[in-house]
Each structure stands twice: as C-alpha cells, then as structure tokens.
Amino acid sequence: MNNQHFTFPKPVSEFLSVLPGYPQTLMFVQTVNLALGDTLRSEVLQPLRGKLISIRVNDAGVAFYFTLNHRGMVACRRTREPDLTISASAYDFLMLALRKEDPDTLFFSRRLCMEGDTELGLLVKNTLDALELPPFDLRALSPQRVLAEIRMRLLA
C-alpha cells in the first residue's frame, strides 16, 4: 500500500493561513451546498442547526466556520469557540468525501480529530455515515451552475 499522499506545501499553507477566513468559508459552504443539495436540509441534521461548526484543514492552514439552517450550510465568522471542530488533512477529508476512508479508521489512527462537544461529534459522524450521499459529480460545480446558485441565494 502506498502511504504517500498529497499535502499542501508549507509556503502555500502559510499564504492561505493569512488570507481572510470568511471569503474562504463562503466558497467552501457554497460548494458543499451545491454538491450535497437536499441532503443538508434533511431533518436528520436538525440537532446541528444553530451550532457553530469548524472544519480545519491542517496542512492547508485554513479553517471554515459554519452552521446549518433549513436551507443548508451557512458561512459564519468566528465570534466564539465552535461547538465542534473537526480537523484533518486535505487528503483525508477528500478520502472521507469519496468514501474511500471511514471516520473511525482516521480517528483511531489520529488522522482525524474532533474537539468540543463530543455528543455533537458522534452525531455528525453517525449522521454522515447513515446518509445516502449522492455520487460526487464535478459538473455540479461548473462555473455556470455555481454562479446561478449564488445568484438565486442572493435574490431569495
């Protein structure tokens, strides 16, 4: 098995870490909302609504802060300690998204870390495991589709 995987070079992560966080979070949230669609509006995720959640990509030097509401993920500024912080490398998050790794394996190998409300962390893990996620389709992230979705959300 090849243990070599992508990590952000240190100069790139240093650069990303000094950029303003909110625009990065806004792009991340819009991308996830487009990719997952109705999945994020599921009633199963009701307990996550209103909670401040942070995704920290360790090797990229970035953290995204968001909450969930009835329409999906909403970008937030960090105004307080997150209720839950999930940390891993970009590669490990990609492997999770593609379902090539499971959260338990990454957690017990110390490649995935959850801090904060442990009950909330277990709820997130179990909920994501139970959800039937749509196949990842890069066409959903085409510039035309992204701009149309942003336009629709701004006008709503």
C-alpha atoms as a PDB file:
ATOM      1  CA  MET A   1       0.000   0.000   0.000  1.00  0.00           C
ATOM      2  CA  ASN A   2       1.270   3.454  -0.910  1.00  0.00           C
ATOM      3  CA  ASN A   3       1.233   5.770   2.103  1.00  0.00           C
ATOM      4  CA  GLN A   4       2.299   8.765   0.016  1.00  0.00           C
ATOM      5  CA  HIS A   5      -0.467  11.296  -0.415  1.00  0.00           C
ATOM      6  CA  PHE A   6      -0.876  14.943  -1.240  1.00  0.00           C
ATOM      7  CA  THR A   7      -0.141  17.598   1.372  1.00  0.00           C
ATOM      8  CA  PHE A   8      -0.100  21.326   0.825  1.00  0.00           C
ATOM      9  CA  PRO A   9       3.447  22.685   0.589  1.00  0.00           C
ATOM     10  CA  LYS A  10       4.397  24.838   3.563  1.00  0.00           C
ATOM     11  CA  PRO A  11       4.634  28.115   1.555  1.00  0.00           C
ATOM     12  CA  VAL A  12       1.102  27.550   0.218  1.00  0.00           C
ATOM     13  CA  SER A  13      -0.339  26.840   3.667  1.00  0.00           C
ATOM     14  CA  GLU A  14       1.460  29.875   5.105  1.00  0.00           C
ATOM     15  CA  PHE A  15      -0.070  32.023   2.364  1.00  0.00           C
ATOM     16  CA  LEU A  16      -3.571  30.555   2.818  1.00  0.00           C
ATOM     17  CA  SER A  17      -3.415  30.977   6.581  1.00  0.00           C
ATOM     18  CA  VAL A  18      -3.043  34.774   6.327  1.00  0.00           C
ATOM     19  CA  LEU A  19      -5.949  35.275   3.913  1.00  0.00           C
ATOM     20  CA  PRO A  20      -9.262  36.442   5.385  1.00  0.00           C
ATOM     21  CA  GLY A  21     -11.226  33.407   6.552  1.00  0.00           C
ATOM     22  CA  TYR A  22     -14.782  34.445   5.756  1.00  0.00           C
ATOM     23  CA  PRO A  23     -14.479  34.532   1.926  1.00  0.00           C
ATOM     24  CA  GLN A  24     -12.846  31.084   2.014  1.00  0.00           C
ATOM     25  CA  THR A  25     -15.666  29.790   4.208  1.00  0.00           C
ATOM     26  CA  LEU A  26     -18.266  31.304   1.904  1.00  0.00           C
ATOM     27  CA  MET A  27     -16.769  29.483  -1.093  1.00  0.00           C
ATOM     28  CA  PHE A  28     -16.497  26.222   0.871  1.00  0.00           C
ATOM     29  CA  VAL A  29     -20.104  26.434   2.073  1.00  0.00           C
ATOM     30  CA  GLN A  30     -21.456  27.215  -1.405  1.00  0.00           C
ATOM     31  CA  THR A  31     -19.507  24.294  -2.865  1.00  0.00           C
ATOM     32  CA  VAL A  32     -20.797  21.849  -0.252  1.00  0.00           C
ATOM     33  CA  ASN A  33     -24.367  23.150  -0.622  1.00  0.00           C
ATOM     34  CA  LEU A  34     -24.160  22.635  -4.391  1.00  0.00           C
ATOM     35  CA  ALA A  35     -22.595  19.190  -4.087  1.00  0.00           C
ATOM     36  CA  LEU A  36     -24.944  17.834  -1.399  1.00  0.00           C
ATOM     37  CA  GLY A  37     -28.144  19.692  -2.247  1.00  0.00           C
ATOM     38  CA  ASP A  38     -31.170  18.427  -0.328  1.00  0.00           C
ATOM     39  CA  THR A  39     -29.039  16.132   1.846  1.00  0.00           C
ATOM     40  CA  LEU A  40     -28.104  19.071   4.091  1.00  0.00           C
ATOM     41  CA  ARG A  41     -31.753  20.036   4.512  1.00  0.00           C
ATOM     42  CA  SER A  42     -32.623  16.617   5.939  1.00  0.00           C
ATOM     43  CA  GLU A  43     -34.483  16.552   9.255  1.00  0.00           C
ATOM     44  CA  VAL A  44     -31.848  14.080  10.456  1.00  0.00           C
ATOM     45  CA  LEU A  45     -29.478  17.043  10.721  1.00  0.00           C
ATOM     46  CA  GLN A  46     -31.917  19.074  12.854  1.00  0.00           C
ATOM     47  CA  PRO A  47     -29.742  18.830  16.024  1.00  0.00           C
ATOM     48  CA  LEU A  48     -26.878  20.534  14.180  1.00  0.00           C
ATOM     49  CA  ARG A  49     -28.888  23.625  13.324  1.00  0.00           C
ATOM     50  CA  GLY A  50     -27.624  26.730  15.047  1.00  0.00           C
ATOM     51  CA  LYS A  51     -24.404  25.061  16.241  1.00  0.00           C
ATOM     52  CA  LEU A  52     -21.098  26.666  15.249  1.00  0.00           C
ATOM     53  CA  ILE A  53     -19.022  24.020  13.500  1.00  0.00           C
ATOM     54  CA  SER A  54     -15.454  24.370  12.293  1.00  0.00           C
ATOM     55  CA  ILE A  55     -13.656  22.296   9.686  1.00  0.00           C
ATOM     56  CA  ARG A  56      -9.905  22.780   9.998  1.00  0.00           C
ATOM     57  CA  VAL A  57      -7.706  21.618   7.120  1.00  0.00           C
ATOM     58  CA  ASN A  58      -4.405  21.231   8.919  1.00  0.00           C
ATOM     59  CA  ASP A  59      -1.983  21.069   6.001  1.00  0.00           C
ATOM     60  CA  ALA A  60      -3.682  23.955   4.164  1.00  0.00           C
ATOM     61  CA  GLY A  61      -3.661  26.269   7.178  1.00  0.00           C
ATOM     62  CA  VAL A  62      -7.363  27.111   6.815  1.00  0.00           C
ATOM     63  CA  ALA A  63     -10.469  26.730   8.943  1.00  0.00           C
ATOM     64  CA  PHE A  64     -14.084  27.080   7.855  1.00  0.00           C
ATOM     65  CA  TYR A  65     -16.809  28.193  10.289  1.00  0.00           C
ATOM     66  CA  PHE A  66     -20.437  27.486   9.522  1.00  0.00           C
ATOM     67  CA  THR A  67     -23.786  26.490  10.893  1.00  0.00           C
ATOM     68  CA  LEU A  68     -26.765  24.704   9.396  1.00  0.00           C
ATOM     69  CA  ASN A  69     -30.241  26.057   8.860  1.00  0.00           C
ATOM     70  CA  HIS A  70     -33.307  24.856   6.948  1.00  0.00           C
ATOM     71  CA  ARG A  71     -31.636  25.759   3.617  1.00  0.00           C
ATOM     72  CA  GLY A  72     -28.257  24.080   4.215  1.00  0.00           C
ATOM     73  CA  MET A  73     -24.869  25.314   5.368  1.00  0.00           C
ATOM     74  CA  VAL A  74     -24.398  28.989   6.207  1.00  0.00           C
ATOM     75  CA  ALA A  75     -20.974  30.629   6.407  1.00  0.00           C
ATOM     76  CA  CYS A  76     -20.143  32.287   9.739  1.00  0.00           C
ATOM     77  CA  ARG A  77     -17.408  34.428  11.132  1.00  0.00           C
ATOM     78  CA  ARG A  78     -15.666  33.072  14.189  1.00  0.00           C
ATOM     79  CA  THR A  79     -17.236  35.057  17.000  1.00  0.00           C
ATOM     80  CA  ARG A  80     -16.901  32.387  19.691  1.00  0.00           C
ATOM     81  CA  GLU A  81     -15.448  28.954  20.267  1.00  0.00           C
ATOM     82  CA  PRO A  82     -17.028  26.436  17.883  1.00  0.00           C
ATOM     83  CA  ASP A  83     -19.350  23.824  19.349  1.00  0.00           C
ATOM     84  CA  LEU A  84     -17.420  21.266  17.299  1.00  0.00           C
ATOM     85  CA  THR A  85     -14.112  21.380  15.426  1.00  0.00           C
ATOM     86  CA  ILE A  86     -13.173  18.617  13.018  1.00  0.00           C
ATOM     87  CA  SER A  87      -9.531  18.596  11.879  1.00  0.00           C
ATOM     88  CA  ALA A  88      -7.685  16.544   9.274  1.00  0.00           C
ATOM     89  CA  SER A  89      -5.501  16.978   6.205  1.00  0.00           C
ATOM     90  CA  ALA A  90      -6.991  17.937   2.847  1.00  0.00           C
ATOM     91  CA  TYR A  91      -6.199  14.448   1.571  1.00  0.00           C
ATOM     92  CA  ASP A  92      -8.020  12.767   4.469  1.00  0.00           C
ATOM     93  CA  PHE A  93     -11.081  14.985   4.009  1.00  0.00           C
ATOM     94  CA  LEU A  94     -11.077  14.077   0.311  1.00  0.00           C
ATOM     95  CA  MET A  95     -10.865  10.374   1.154  1.00  0.00           C
ATOM     96  CA  LEU A  96     -13.815  10.808   3.541  1.00  0.00           C
ATOM     97  CA  ALA A  97     -15.841  12.643   0.886  1.00  0.00           C
ATOM     98  CA  LEU A  98     -15.135   9.936  -1.681  1.00  0.00           C
ATOM     99  CA  ARG A  99     -15.917   7.248   0.919  1.00  0.00           C
ATOM    100  CA  LYS A 100     -12.500   5.659   0.461  1.00  0.00           C
ATOM    101  CA  GLU A 101     -11.779   6.023   4.191  1.00  0.00           C
ATOM    102  CA  ASP A 102     -14.152   5.849   7.093  1.00  0.00           C
ATOM    103  CA  PRO A 103     -14.100   8.302  10.012  1.00  0.00           C
ATOM    104  CA  ASP A 104     -13.396   5.612  12.625  1.00  0.00           C
ATOM    105  CA  THR A 105     -10.237   4.450  10.868  1.00  0.00           C
ATOM    106  CA  LEU A 106      -8.969   8.019  10.525  1.00  0.00           C
ATOM    107  CA  PHE A 107      -9.928   8.859  14.106  1.00  0.00           C
ATOM    108  CA  PHE A 108      -8.196   5.843  15.651  1.00  0.00           C
ATOM    109  CA  SER A 109      -5.097   6.416  13.518  1.00  0.00           C
ATOM    110  CA  ARG A 110      -5.090  10.031  14.802  1.00  0.00           C
ATOM    111  CA  ARG A 111      -5.530  11.479  11.331  1.00  0.00           C
ATOM    112  CA  LEU A 112      -8.960  12.915  12.168  1.00  0.00           C
ATOM    113  CA  CYS A 113      -9.515  14.917  15.329  1.00  0.00           C
ATOM    114  CA  MET A 114     -12.770  16.130  16.886  1.00  0.00           C
ATOM    115  CA  GLU A 115     -12.757  18.757  19.609  1.00  0.00           C
ATOM    116  CA  GLY A 116     -15.591  20.303  21.551  1.00  0.00           C
ATOM    117  CA  ASP A 117     -18.998  18.764  22.131  1.00  0.00           C
ATOM    118  CA  THR A 118     -18.310  15.024  21.849  1.00  0.00           C
ATOM    119  CA  GLU A 119     -22.011  14.166  21.616  1.00  0.00           C
ATOM    120  CA  LEU A 120     -22.319  16.547  18.693  1.00  0.00           C
ATOM    121  CA  GLY A 121     -19.224  14.981  17.112  1.00  0.00           C
ATOM    122  CA  LEU A 122     -20.714  11.493  17.375  1.00  0.00           C
ATOM    123  CA  LEU A 123     -23.992  12.771  15.956  1.00  0.00           C
ATOM    124  CA  VAL A 124     -22.160  14.283  12.954  1.00  0.00           C
ATOM    125  CA  LYS A 125     -20.177  11.096  12.367  1.00  0.00           C
ATOM    126  CA  ASN A 126     -23.156   8.762  12.708  1.00  0.00           C
ATOM    127  CA  THR A 127     -25.415  11.010  10.636  1.00  0.00           C
ATOM    128  CA  LEU A 128     -22.912  11.297   7.798  1.00  0.00           C
ATOM    129  CA  ASP A 129     -22.362   7.524   7.880  1.00  0.00           C
ATOM    130  CA  ALA A 130     -26.119   6.920   7.669  1.00  0.00           C
ATOM    131  CA  LEU A 131     -26.857   9.442   4.904  1.00  0.00           C
ATOM    132  CA  GLU A 132     -27.147   8.227   1.359  1.00  0.00           C
ATOM    133  CA  LEU A 133     -24.879  10.794  -0.226  1.00  0.00           C
ATOM    134  CA  PRO A 134     -25.274  11.455  -3.940  1.00  0.00           C
ATOM    135  CA  PRO A 135     -22.355  10.490  -6.163  1.00  0.00           C
ATOM    136  CA  PHE A 136     -19.824  13.293  -6.375  1.00  0.00           C
ATOM    137  CA  ASP A 137     -20.345  14.997  -9.739  1.00  0.00           C
ATOM    138  CA  LEU A 138     -17.879  17.701 -10.726  1.00  0.00           C
ATOM    139  CA  ARG A 139     -20.396  19.075 -13.253  1.00  0.00           C
ATOM    140  CA  ALA A 140     -22.416  20.330 -10.263  1.00  0.00           C
ATOM    141  CA  LEU A 141     -19.531  22.701  -9.594  1.00  0.00           C
ATOM    142  CA  SER A 142     -19.328  24.182 -13.092  1.00  0.00           C
ATOM    143  CA  PRO A 143     -18.913  27.972 -13.083  1.00  0.00           C
ATOM    144  CA  GLN A 144     -22.349  28.485 -14.645  1.00  0.00           C
ATOM    145  CA  ARG A 145     -24.070  26.332 -12.036  1.00  0.00           C
ATOM    146  CA  VAL A 146     -22.157  27.918  -9.148  1.00  0.00           C
ATOM    147  CA  LEU A 147     -22.961  31.453 -10.333  1.00  0.00           C
ATOM    148  CA  ALA A 148     -26.630  30.573 -10.894  1.00  0.00           C
ATOM    149  CA  GLU A 149     -26.890  29.103  -7.381  1.00  0.00           C
ATOM    150  CA  ILE A 150     -25.204  32.133  -5.791  1.00  0.00           C
ATOM    151  CA  ARG A 151     -27.491  34.482  -7.754  1.00  0.00           C
ATOM    152  CA  MET A 152     -30.558  32.505  -6.641  1.00  0.00           C
ATOM    153  CA  ARG A 153     -29.481  32.583  -2.962  1.00  0.00           C
ATOM    154  CA  LEU A 154     -28.752  36.308  -3.073  1.00  0.00           C
ATOM    155  CA  LEU A 155     -32.149  37.081  -4.580  1.00  0.00           C
ATOM    156  CA  ALA A 156     -34.068  34.790  -2.207  1.00  0.00           C
END
